[in-house]
Protein backbone atom coordinates (compact mmCIF):
# COMPACT_ATOMS: atom_id res chain seq x y z
CA UNK A 1 -29.17 -7.26 -34.59
CA UNK A 2 -27.07 -7.82 -31.10
CA UNK A 3 -23.62 -9.45 -32.02
CA UNK A 4 -21.15 -10.80 -29.05
CA UNK A 5 -18.54 -8.72 -28.32
CA UNK A 6 -14.77 -10.56 -27.65
CA UNK A 7 -13.25 -8.25 -25.60
CA UNK A 8 -9.47 -9.98 -26.40
CA UNK A 9 -9.92 -9.02 -30.01
CA UNK A 10 -11.25 -5.19 -29.01
CA UNK A 11 -8.08 -4.68 -26.76
CA UNK A 12 -5.58 -5.69 -29.75
CA UNK A 13 -6.74 -3.27 -32.02
CA UNK A 14 -5.53 -0.06 -29.86
CA UNK A 15 -2.09 0.30 -27.75
CA UNK A 16 -2.71 3.78 -26.31
CA UNK A 17 -3.04 3.95 -22.78
CA UNK A 18 -4.92 6.05 -20.84
CA UNK A 19 -7.25 6.25 -24.31
CA UNK A 20 -10.85 5.12 -23.79
CA UNK A 21 -12.91 2.84 -26.54
CA UNK A 22 -16.53 2.77 -26.60
CA UNK A 23 -17.77 -0.82 -26.88
CA UNK A 24 -21.35 -0.67 -26.41
CA UNK A 25 -24.35 1.12 -25.00
CA UNK A 26 -27.23 -0.18 -22.34
CA UNK A 27 -29.48 2.53 -22.52
CA UNK A 28 -27.54 5.31 -21.35
CA UNK A 29 -24.71 3.75 -20.12
CA UNK A 30 -21.47 3.17 -22.19
CA UNK A 31 -19.23 0.31 -22.18
CA UNK A 32 -15.53 1.00 -22.71
CA UNK A 33 -11.98 -0.61 -22.96
CA UNK A 34 -9.26 1.14 -21.66
CA UNK A 35 -5.43 -0.17 -21.26
CA UNK A 36 -3.40 1.99 -18.66
CA UNK A 37 0.05 1.79 -16.77
CA UNK A 38 1.33 4.24 -14.13
CA UNK A 39 -0.88 6.50 -11.96
CA UNK A 40 -3.91 8.45 -12.80
CA UNK A 41 -4.84 11.51 -11.08
CA UNK A 42 -7.24 11.95 -8.42
CA UNK A 43 -10.93 12.92 -9.12
CA UNK A 44 -14.54 12.45 -8.66
CA UNK A 45 -17.42 12.04 -10.21
CA UNK A 46 -20.38 14.48 -8.88
CA UNK A 47 -23.03 12.13 -10.12
CA UNK A 48 -22.35 9.44 -12.18
CA UNK A 49 -21.44 5.86 -10.60
CA UNK A 50 -18.46 3.83 -12.29
CA UNK A 51 -17.11 0.05 -12.68
CA UNK A 52 -14.16 -0.91 -13.54
CA UNK A 53 -13.99 -4.39 -14.63
CA UNK A 54 -10.22 -6.18 -14.89
CA UNK A 55 -9.51 -8.82 -17.53
CA UNK A 56 -5.71 -8.55 -17.68
CA UNK A 57 -2.96 -7.08 -15.06
CA UNK A 58 -4.14 -5.57 -11.60
CA UNK A 59 -5.50 -2.29 -10.72
CA UNK A 60 -4.73 -0.64 -7.63
CA UNK A 61 -7.56 1.62 -6.78
CA UNK A 62 -6.22 4.50 -4.03
CA UNK A 63 -8.91 6.09 -1.85
CA UNK A 64 -7.94 8.80 1.09
CA UNK A 65 -8.33 6.34 3.63
CA UNK A 66 -6.95 3.20 1.55
CA UNK A 67 -6.05 1.20 -1.27
CA UNK A 68 -7.93 -1.76 -2.94
CA UNK A 69 -6.56 -4.45 -5.19
CA UNK A 70 -8.73 -5.63 -8.14
CA UNK A 71 -7.22 -8.62 -9.80
CA UNK A 72 -8.27 -10.04 -13.32
CA UNK A 73 -12.08 -11.80 -12.61
CA UNK A 74 -12.73 -8.84 -10.23
CA UNK A 75 -14.69 -5.48 -10.65
CA UNK A 76 -15.26 -2.25 -8.35
CA UNK A 77 -17.70 -0.03 -8.32
CA UNK A 78 -16.68 3.75 -7.17
CA UNK A 79 -20.00 5.69 -6.25
CA UNK A 80 -20.37 8.68 -7.58
CA UNK A 81 -18.67 11.84 -5.25
CA UNK A 82 -15.83 9.53 -4.10
CA UNK A 83 -12.47 10.60 -4.50
CA UNK A 84 -10.51 7.67 -6.23
CA UNK A 85 -6.86 7.36 -7.90
CA UNK A 86 -6.72 4.30 -10.39
CA UNK A 87 -3.06 3.10 -10.66
CA UNK A 88 -0.97 -0.06 -11.95
CA UNK A 89 2.84 -1.34 -12.38
CA UNK A 90 2.27 -3.22 -15.68
CA UNK A 91 -0.05 -2.87 -18.53
CA UNK A 92 -3.80 -3.42 -17.10
CA UNK A 93 -6.74 -3.82 -19.45
CA UNK A 94 -9.65 -2.38 -17.77
CA UNK A 95 -13.90 -2.90 -19.30
CA UNK A 96 -15.51 0.51 -17.71
CA UNK A 97 -19.02 0.80 -17.28
CA UNK A 98 -20.57 3.68 -16.75
CA UNK A 99 -23.06 6.88 -18.02
CA UNK A 100 -22.47 8.11 -21.17
CA UNK A 101 -21.86 11.58 -19.89
CA UNK A 102 -19.47 10.50 -17.60
CA UNK A 103 -15.78 12.57 -18.27
CA UNK A 104 -12.87 10.10 -17.38
CA UNK A 105 -11.32 12.95 -15.19
CA UNK A 106 -14.37 14.25 -13.65
CA UNK A 107 -14.54 18.12 -13.37
CA UNK A 108 -10.75 18.36 -13.56
CA UNK A 109 -9.48 19.20 -17.04
CA UNK A 110 -5.56 17.77 -17.53
CA UNK A 111 -3.84 16.02 -19.86
CA UNK A 112 -5.25 12.59 -19.18
CA UNK A 113 -9.18 14.42 -20.08
CA UNK A 114 -10.13 12.11 -23.29
CA UNK A 115 -13.49 11.36 -24.98
CA UNK A 116 -13.93 7.92 -26.01
CA UNK A 117 -13.53 6.82 -29.48
CA UNK A 118 -15.65 3.90 -31.36
CA UNK A 119 -14.21 0.75 -31.94
């Protein structure tokens, strides 16, 4: 049977940053939680779009031609093929919605590459 998910409770279960946690699945789409601070790497996803929904903190999504600041209660959708780099100056909590096949660093293998763990 379906049950609700409390985001605050789920975020309280882990402290690691840049380490995705799987909290749900909608068809072939994953719902993941991640805590971030600092800067990620420039990357893109060849075939997957992704949505970043900020629940706490402030996310700056860098693009080659501009930066977009995403505040709590706001989200941004990154279309596939668009190069981007997330960053933030304080710990920020994000809910991601993206295809289950999405590798967080795109095609690039790096220290940030992570396979999500289920909560």
